[in-house]
PDB file of N, CA and C in Angstrom:
ATOM      1  N   MET A   1       0.841  -1.174   0.000  1.00  0.00           N
ATOM      2  CA  MET A   1       0.000   0.000   0.000  1.00  0.00           C
ATOM      3  C   MET A   1       0.885   1.236   0.000  1.00  0.00           C
ATOM      4  N   SER A   2       0.342   2.304  -0.506  1.00  0.00           N
ATOM      5  CA  SER A   2       1.094   3.543  -0.524  1.00  0.00           C
ATOM      6  C   SER A   2       0.915   4.267   0.801  1.00  0.00           C
ATOM      7  N   GLU A   3       1.640   5.370   0.964  1.00  0.00           N
ATOM      8  CA  GLU A   3       1.619   6.115   2.209  1.00  0.00           C
ATOM      9  C   GLU A   3       0.282   6.789   2.449  1.00  0.00           C
ATOM     10  N   PRO A   4      -0.126   6.911   3.713  1.00  0.00           N
ATOM     11  CA  PRO A   4      -1.354   7.647   4.016  1.00  0.00           C
ATOM     12  C   PRO A   4      -1.199   9.109   3.617  1.00  0.00           C
ATOM     13  N   THR A   5      -2.293   9.716   3.178  1.00  0.00           N
ATOM     14  CA  THR A   5      -2.229  11.116   2.763  1.00  0.00           C
ATOM     15  C   THR A   5      -2.781  12.058   3.809  1.00  0.00           C
ATOM     16  N   ASP A   6      -3.586  11.562   4.756  1.00  0.00           N
ATOM     17  CA  ASP A   6      -4.223  12.452   5.723  1.00  0.00           C
ATOM     18  C   ASP A   6      -4.117  11.951   7.157  1.00  0.00           C
ATOM     19  N   GLY A   7      -3.204  11.042   7.409  1.00  0.00           N
ATOM     20  CA  GLY A   7      -3.034  10.529   8.754  1.00  0.00           C
ATOM     21  C   GLY A   7      -4.019   9.439   9.131  1.00  0.00           C
ATOM     22  N   SER A   8      -4.940   9.076   8.225  1.00  0.00           N
ATOM     23  CA  SER A   8      -5.902   8.022   8.540  1.00  0.00           C
ATOM     24  C   SER A   8      -5.533   6.764   7.785  1.00  0.00           C
ATOM     25  N   ASP A   9      -6.490   6.193   7.058  1.00  0.00           N
ATOM     26  CA  ASP A   9      -6.238   4.951   6.335  1.00  0.00           C
ATOM     27  C   ASP A   9      -5.227   5.169   5.219  1.00  0.00           C
ATOM     28  N   ALA A  10      -4.381   4.160   4.993  1.00  0.00           N
ATOM     29  CA  ALA A  10      -3.440   4.210   3.888  1.00  0.00           C
ATOM     30  C   ALA A  10      -4.194   4.055   2.580  1.00  0.00           C
ATOM     31  N   ARG A  11      -3.698   4.656   1.535  1.00  0.00           N
ATOM     32  CA  ARG A  11      -4.308   4.517   0.208  1.00  0.00           C
ATOM     33  C   ARG A  11      -4.047   3.112  -0.308  1.00  0.00           C
ATOM     34  N   LEU A  12      -5.029   2.581  -0.988  1.00  0.00           N
ATOM     35  CA  LEU A  12      -4.890   1.273  -1.602  1.00  0.00           C
ATOM     36  C   LEU A  12      -4.405   1.449  -3.029  1.00  0.00           C
ATOM     37  N   ALA A  13      -3.621   0.503  -3.491  1.00  0.00           N
ATOM     38  CA  ALA A  13      -3.064   0.577  -4.835  1.00  0.00           C
ATOM     39  C   ALA A  13      -3.360  -0.708  -5.591  1.00  0.00           C
ATOM     40  N   VAL A  14      -3.332  -0.631  -6.906  1.00  0.00           N
ATOM     41  CA  VAL A  14      -3.526  -1.808  -7.754  1.00  0.00           C
ATOM     42  C   VAL A  14      -2.541  -2.890  -7.320  1.00  0.00           C
ATOM     43  N   GLY A  15      -3.056  -4.088  -7.156  1.00  0.00           N
ATOM     44  CA  GLY A  15      -2.239  -5.224  -6.729  1.00  0.00           C
ATOM     45  C   GLY A  15      -2.331  -5.523  -5.246  1.00  0.00           C
ATOM     46  N   ASP A  16      -2.820  -4.572  -4.440  1.00  0.00           N
ATOM     47  CA  ASP A  16      -2.968  -4.820  -3.008  1.00  0.00           C
ATOM     48  C   ASP A  16      -4.035  -5.880  -2.763  1.00  0.00           C
ATOM     49  N   ARG A  17      -3.780  -6.745  -1.792  1.00  0.00           N
ATOM     50  CA  ARG A  17      -4.747  -7.758  -1.370  1.00  0.00           C
ATOM     51  C   ARG A  17      -5.530  -7.189  -0.203  1.00  0.00           C
ATOM     52  N   VAL A  18      -6.862  -7.351  -0.224  1.00  0.00           N
ATOM     53  CA  VAL A  18      -7.724  -6.755   0.793  1.00  0.00           C
ATOM     54  C   VAL A  18      -8.785  -7.728   1.280  1.00  0.00           C
ATOM     55  N   VAL A  19      -9.326  -7.432   2.460  1.00  0.00           N
ATOM     56  CA  VAL A  19     -10.487  -8.118   3.011  1.00  0.00           C
ATOM     57  C   VAL A  19     -11.467  -7.038   3.450  1.00  0.00           C
ATOM     58  N   LYS A  20     -12.717  -7.436   3.646  1.00  0.00           N
ATOM     59  CA  LYS A  20     -13.690  -6.441   4.098  1.00  0.00           C
ATOM     60  C   LYS A  20     -13.408  -6.052   5.543  1.00  0.00           C
ATOM     61  N   ASN A  21     -13.725  -4.817   5.856  1.00  0.00           N
ATOM     62  CA  ASN A  21     -13.605  -4.293   7.208  1.00  0.00           C
ATOM     63  C   ASN A  21     -14.978  -4.433   7.855  1.00  0.00           C
ATOM     64  N   PRO A  22     -15.177  -5.441   8.725  1.00  0.00           N
ATOM     65  CA  PRO A  22     -16.506  -5.682   9.278  1.00  0.00           C
ATOM     66  C   PRO A  22     -17.087  -4.472  10.013  1.00  0.00           C
ATOM     67  N   ALA A  23     -16.240  -3.647  10.595  1.00  0.00           N
ATOM     68  CA  ALA A  23     -16.708  -2.488  11.350  1.00  0.00           C
ATOM     69  C   ALA A  23     -17.296  -1.402  10.448  1.00  0.00           C
ATOM     70  N   ARG A  24     -16.912  -1.388   9.174  1.00  0.00           N
ATOM     71  CA  ARG A  24     -17.357  -0.330   8.270  1.00  0.00           C
ATOM     72  C   ARG A  24     -18.100  -0.850   7.038  1.00  0.00           C
ATOM     73  N   TRP A  25     -18.283  -2.156   6.963  1.00  0.00           N
ATOM     74  CA  TRP A  25     -18.885  -2.763   5.770  1.00  0.00           C
ATOM     75  C   TRP A  25     -20.331  -2.318   5.609  1.00  0.00           C
ATOM     76  N   ARG A  26     -20.686  -1.868   4.418  1.00  0.00           N
ATOM     77  CA  ARG A  26     -22.058  -1.488   4.087  1.00  0.00           C
ATOM     78  C   ARG A  26     -22.581  -2.500   3.067  1.00  0.00           C
ATOM     79  N   PRO A  27     -23.402  -3.445   3.520  1.00  0.00           N
ATOM     80  CA  PRO A  27     -23.916  -4.476   2.611  1.00  0.00           C
ATOM     81  C   PRO A  27     -24.736  -3.867   1.476  1.00  0.00           C
ATOM     82  N   ASN A  28     -24.718  -4.561   0.352  1.00  0.00           N
ATOM     83  CA  ASN A  28     -25.601  -4.198  -0.765  1.00  0.00           C
ATOM     84  C   ASN A  28     -26.015  -5.483  -1.480  1.00  0.00           C
ATOM     85  N   ALA A  29     -26.760  -5.351  -2.551  1.00  0.00           N
ATOM     86  CA  ALA A  29     -27.307  -6.513  -3.260  1.00  0.00           C
ATOM     87  C   ALA A  29     -26.221  -7.446  -3.782  1.00  0.00           C
ATOM     88  N   PHE A  30     -25.008  -6.954  -4.032  1.00  0.00           N
ATOM     89  CA  PHE A  30     -23.938  -7.790  -4.572  1.00  0.00           C
ATOM     90  C   PHE A  30     -23.356  -8.745  -3.524  1.00  0.00           C
ATOM     91  N   ASP A  31     -23.651  -8.509  -2.247  1.00  0.00           N
ATOM     92  CA  ASP A  31     -23.158  -9.428  -1.218  1.00  0.00           C
ATOM     93  C   ASP A  31     -23.691 -10.845  -1.435  1.00  0.00           C
ATOM     94  N   SER A  32     -24.865 -10.963  -2.040  1.00  0.00           N
ATOM     95  CA  SER A  32     -25.463 -12.288  -2.247  1.00  0.00           C
ATOM     96  C   SER A  32     -24.660 -13.164  -3.201  1.00  0.00           C
ATOM     97  N   TRP A  33     -23.850 -12.580  -4.091  1.00  0.00           N
ATOM     98  CA  TRP A  33     -23.027 -13.404  -4.987  1.00  0.00           C
ATOM     99  C   TRP A  33     -21.597 -13.548  -4.506  1.00  0.00           C
ATOM    100  N   GLY A  34     -21.279 -13.000  -3.327  1.00  0.00           N
ATOM    101  CA  GLY A  34     -19.949 -13.219  -2.769  1.00  0.00           C
ATOM    102  C   GLY A  34     -19.111 -11.976  -2.586  1.00  0.00           C
ATOM    103  N   ARG A  35     -19.690 -10.809  -2.798  1.00  0.00           N
ATOM    104  CA  ARG A  35     -18.949  -9.560  -2.571  1.00  0.00           C
ATOM    105  C   ARG A  35     -18.466  -9.539  -1.127  1.00  0.00           C
ATOM    106  N   GLY A  36     -17.188  -9.230  -0.927  1.00  0.00           N
ATOM    107  CA  GLY A  36     -16.620  -9.107   0.407  1.00  0.00           C
ATOM    108  C   GLY A  36     -16.243 -10.405   1.071  1.00  0.00           C
ATOM    109  N   GLN A  37     -16.374 -11.513   0.363  1.00  0.00           N
ATOM    110  CA  GLN A  37     -16.005 -12.800   0.947  1.00  0.00           C
ATOM    111  C   GLN A  37     -14.618 -13.192   0.479  1.00  0.00           C
ATOM    112  N   GLY A  38     -13.799 -13.647   1.407  1.00  0.00           N
ATOM    113  CA  GLY A  38     -12.445 -14.061   1.063  1.00  0.00           C
ATOM    114  C   GLY A  38     -11.516 -12.871   0.891  1.00  0.00           C
ATOM    115  N   VAL A  39     -10.461 -13.098   0.124  1.00  0.00           N
ATOM    116  CA  VAL A  39      -9.456 -12.070  -0.127  1.00  0.00           C
ATOM    117  C   VAL A  39      -9.656 -11.522  -1.529  1.00  0.00           C
ATOM    118  N   GLY A  40      -9.752 -10.210  -1.633  1.00  0.00           N
ATOM    119  CA  GLY A  40      -9.872  -9.547  -2.928  1.00  0.00           C
ATOM    120  C   GLY A  40      -8.552  -8.916  -3.331  1.00  0.00           C
ATOM    121  N   VAL A  41      -8.454  -8.559  -4.596  1.00  0.00           N
ATOM    122  CA  VAL A  41      -7.267  -7.880  -5.124  1.00  0.00           C
ATOM    123  C   VAL A  41      -7.722  -6.602  -5.803  1.00  0.00           C
ATOM    124  N   ILE A  42      -7.042  -5.502  -5.497  1.00  0.00           N
ATOM    125  CA  ILE A  42      -7.334  -4.238  -6.163  1.00  0.00           C
ATOM    126  C   ILE A  42      -6.850  -4.355  -7.607  1.00  0.00           C
ATOM    127  N   VAL A  43      -7.739  -4.056  -8.555  1.00  0.00           N
ATOM    128  CA  VAL A  43      -7.392  -4.124  -9.981  1.00  0.00           C
ATOM    129  C   VAL A  43      -7.581  -2.749 -10.616  1.00  0.00           C
ATOM    130  N   GLU A  44      -7.020  -2.589 -11.790  1.00  0.00           N
ATOM    131  CA  GLU A  44      -7.148  -1.337 -12.542  1.00  0.00           C
ATOM    132  C   GLU A  44      -8.604  -1.177 -12.963  1.00  0.00           C
ATOM    133  N   PRO A  45      -9.232  -0.061 -12.599  1.00  0.00           N
ATOM    134  CA  PRO A  45     -10.635   0.136 -12.993  1.00  0.00           C
ATOM    135  C   PRO A  45     -10.746   0.454 -14.483  1.00  0.00           C
ATOM    136  N   PRO A  46     -11.916   0.209 -15.063  1.00  0.00           N
ATOM    137  CA  PRO A  46     -12.098   0.475 -16.493  1.00  0.00           C
ATOM    138  C   PRO A  46     -12.219   1.972 -16.801  1.00  0.00           C
ATOM    139  N   PHE A  47     -12.385   2.786 -15.776  1.00  0.00           N
ATOM    140  CA  PHE A  47     -12.457   4.238 -15.924  1.00  0.00           C
ATOM    141  C   PHE A  47     -12.024   4.851 -14.597  1.00  0.00           C
ATOM    142  N   THR A  48     -11.800   6.147 -14.578  1.00  0.00           N
ATOM    143  CA  THR A  48     -11.341   6.823 -13.378  1.00  0.00           C
ATOM    144  C   THR A  48     -12.425   6.818 -12.304  1.00  0.00           C
ATOM    145  N   LEU A  49     -12.029   6.429 -11.104  1.00  0.00           N
ATOM    146  CA  LEU A  49     -12.929   6.407  -9.954  1.00  0.00           C
ATOM    147  C   LEU A  49     -12.587   7.567  -9.022  1.00  0.00           C
ATOM    148  N   PRO A  50     -13.521   7.955  -8.164  1.00  0.00           N
ATOM    149  CA  PRO A  50     -13.187   8.943  -7.144  1.00  0.00           C
ATOM    150  C   PRO A  50     -12.026   8.432  -6.291  1.00  0.00           C
ATOM    151  N   PRO A  51     -11.266   9.323  -5.677  1.00  0.00           N
ATOM    152  CA  PRO A  51     -10.075   8.895  -4.922  1.00  0.00           C
ATOM    153  C   PRO A  51     -10.360   7.956  -3.762  1.00  0.00           C
ATOM    154  N   ASP A  52     -11.586   7.935  -3.261  1.00  0.00           N
ATOM    155  CA  ASP A  52     -11.909   7.068  -2.124  1.00  0.00           C
ATOM    156  C   ASP A  52     -12.533   5.742  -2.547  1.00  0.00           C
ATOM    157  N   GLU A  53     -12.529   5.435  -3.847  1.00  0.00           N
ATOM    158  CA  GLU A  53     -13.081   4.172  -4.338  1.00  0.00           C
ATOM    159  C   GLU A  53     -12.029   3.368  -5.082  1.00  0.00           C
ATOM    160  N   VAL A  54     -12.200   2.042  -5.042  1.00  0.00           N
ATOM    161  CA  VAL A  54     -11.299   1.126  -5.755  1.00  0.00           C
ATOM    162  C   VAL A  54     -12.118   0.029  -6.419  1.00  0.00           C
ATOM    163  N   ASP A  55     -11.532  -0.616  -7.407  1.00  0.00           N
ATOM    164  CA  ASP A  55     -12.131  -1.751  -8.101  1.00  0.00           C
ATOM    165  C   ASP A  55     -11.493  -3.010  -7.512  1.00  0.00           C
ATOM    166  N   VAL A  56     -12.314  -3.876  -6.920  1.00  0.00           N
ATOM    167  CA  VAL A  56     -11.806  -5.077  -6.254  1.00  0.00           C
ATOM    168  C   VAL A  56     -12.286  -6.319  -6.997  1.00  0.00           C
ATOM    169  N   ARG A  57     -11.358  -7.215  -7.273  1.00  0.00           N
ATOM    170  CA  ARG A  57     -11.721  -8.527  -7.821  1.00  0.00           C
ATOM    171  C   ARG A  57     -11.788  -9.486  -6.637  1.00  0.00           C
ATOM    172  N   TRP A  58     -13.021  -9.779  -6.214  1.00  0.00           N
ATOM    173  CA  TRP A  58     -13.264 -10.778  -5.174  1.00  0.00           C
ATOM    174  C   TRP A  58     -13.236 -12.148  -5.837  1.00  0.00           C
ATOM    175  N   PRO A  59     -13.104 -13.240  -5.074  1.00  0.00           N
ATOM    176  CA  PRO A  59     -13.105 -14.570  -5.683  1.00  0.00           C
ATOM    177  C   PRO A  59     -14.332 -14.825  -6.560  1.00  0.00           C
ATOM    178  N   ALA A  60     -15.481 -14.207  -6.223  1.00  0.00           N
ATOM    179  CA  ALA A  60     -16.711 -14.434  -6.986  1.00  0.00           C
ATOM    180  C   ALA A  60     -16.964 -13.398  -8.079  1.00  0.00           C
ATOM    181  N   GLY A  61     -16.166 -12.340  -8.168  1.00  0.00           N
ATOM    182  CA  GLY A  61     -16.369 -11.316  -9.191  1.00  0.00           C
ATOM    183  C   GLY A  61     -15.884  -9.955  -8.736  1.00  0.00           C
ATOM    184  N   ARG A  62     -15.997  -8.984  -9.646  1.00  0.00           N
ATOM    185  CA  ARG A  62     -15.497  -7.635  -9.372  1.00  0.00           C
ATOM    186  C   ARG A  62     -16.598  -6.717  -8.866  1.00  0.00           C
ATOM    187  N   CYS A  63     -16.180  -5.735  -8.043  1.00  0.00           N
ATOM    188  CA  CYS A  63     -17.123  -4.740  -7.543  1.00  0.00           C
ATOM    189  C   CYS A  63     -16.348  -3.488  -7.161  1.00  0.00           C
ATOM    190  N   PHE A  64     -16.933  -2.319  -7.379  1.00  0.00           N
ATOM    191  CA  PHE A  64     -16.351  -1.078  -6.901  1.00  0.00           C
ATOM    192  C   PHE A  64     -16.634  -0.973  -5.415  1.00  0.00           C
ATOM    193  N   GLU A  65     -15.641  -0.563  -4.648  1.00  0.00           N
ATOM    194  CA  GLU A  65     -15.771  -0.481  -3.192  1.00  0.00           C
ATOM    195  C   GLU A  65     -15.245   0.853  -2.684  1.00  0.00           C
ATOM    196  N   SER A  66     -15.837   1.330  -1.600  1.00  0.00           N
ATOM    197  CA  SER A  66     -15.277   2.465  -0.871  1.00  0.00           C
ATOM    198  C   SER A  66     -14.066   1.951  -0.110  1.00  0.00           C
ATOM    199  N   ALA A  67     -12.963   2.657  -0.197  1.00  0.00           N
ATOM    200  CA  ALA A  67     -11.722   2.209   0.435  1.00  0.00           C
ATOM    201  C   ALA A  67     -11.864   2.056   1.945  1.00  0.00           C
ATOM    202  N   ASP A  68     -12.737   2.846   2.571  1.00  0.00           N
ATOM    203  CA  ASP A  68     -12.879   2.749   4.026  1.00  0.00           C
ATOM    204  C   ASP A  68     -13.558   1.457   4.471  1.00  0.00           C
ATOM    205  N   GLN A  69     -14.087   0.686   3.541  1.00  0.00           N
ATOM    206  CA  GLN A  69     -14.714  -0.598   3.873  1.00  0.00           C
ATOM    207  C   GLN A  69     -13.723  -1.756   3.808  1.00  0.00           C
ATOM    208  N   LEU A  70     -12.460  -1.452   3.509  1.00  0.00           N
ATOM    209  CA  LEU A  70     -11.470  -2.496   3.266  1.00  0.00           C
ATOM    210  C   LEU A  70     -10.292  -2.407   4.232  1.00  0.00           C
ATOM    211  N   LEU A  71      -9.683  -3.564   4.471  1.00  0.00           N
ATOM    212  CA  LEU A  71      -8.463  -3.664   5.269  1.00  0.00           C
ATOM    213  C   LEU A  71      -7.431  -4.444   4.470  1.00  0.00           C
ATOM    214  N   PRO A  72      -6.152  -4.211   4.721  1.00  0.00           N
ATOM    215  CA  PRO A  72      -5.128  -5.053   4.080  1.00  0.00           C
ATOM    216  C   PRO A  72      -5.342  -6.505   4.472  1.00  0.00           C
ATOM    217  N   ALA A  73      -5.179  -7.402   3.513  1.00  0.00           N
ATOM    218  CA  ALA A  73      -5.306  -8.834   3.794  1.00  0.00           C
ATOM    219  C   ALA A  73      -4.097  -9.292   4.601  1.00  0.00           C
ATOM    220  N   PRO A  74      -4.291 -10.287   5.465  1.00  0.00           N
ATOM    221  CA  PRO A  74      -3.144 -10.846   6.182  1.00  0.00           C
ATOM    222  C   PRO A  74      -2.124 -11.385   5.190  1.00  0.00           C
ATOM    223  N   ASP A  75      -0.865 -11.368   5.606  1.00  0.00           N
ATOM    224  CA  ASP A  75       0.187 -11.903   4.747  1.00  0.00           C
ATOM    225  C   ASP A  75      -0.071 -13.364   4.444  1.00  0.00           C
ATOM    226  N   ARG A  76       0.337 -13.767   3.243  1.00  0.00           N
ATOM    227  CA  ARG A  76       0.197 -15.169   2.865  1.00  0.00           C
ATOM    228  C   ARG A  76       1.134 -16.005   3.696  1.00  0.00           C
ATOM    229  N   GLU A  77       0.716 -17.205   3.979  1.00  0.00           N
ATOM    230  CA  GLU A  77       1.580 -18.111   4.768  1.00  0.00           C
ATOM    231  C   GLU A  77       2.276 -19.088   3.880  1.00  0.00           C
TER     232      GLU A  77
END
């Protein structure tokens, strides 16, 4: 991840592995197909997103997410 810009959450970058942040997760209709389950990877979005949003490829598919709903994934073992 890149350096934090405002002293809060670090910015997420393409290639970062993430998991949902249960404390901030806002469910939506896409949760039913697996959004937020397992480890996701930040991917290059098909168009420019606002600075607080990222494109995540979850094991079940891709979804745009607010960065504050995500945490860095634990290191691989």
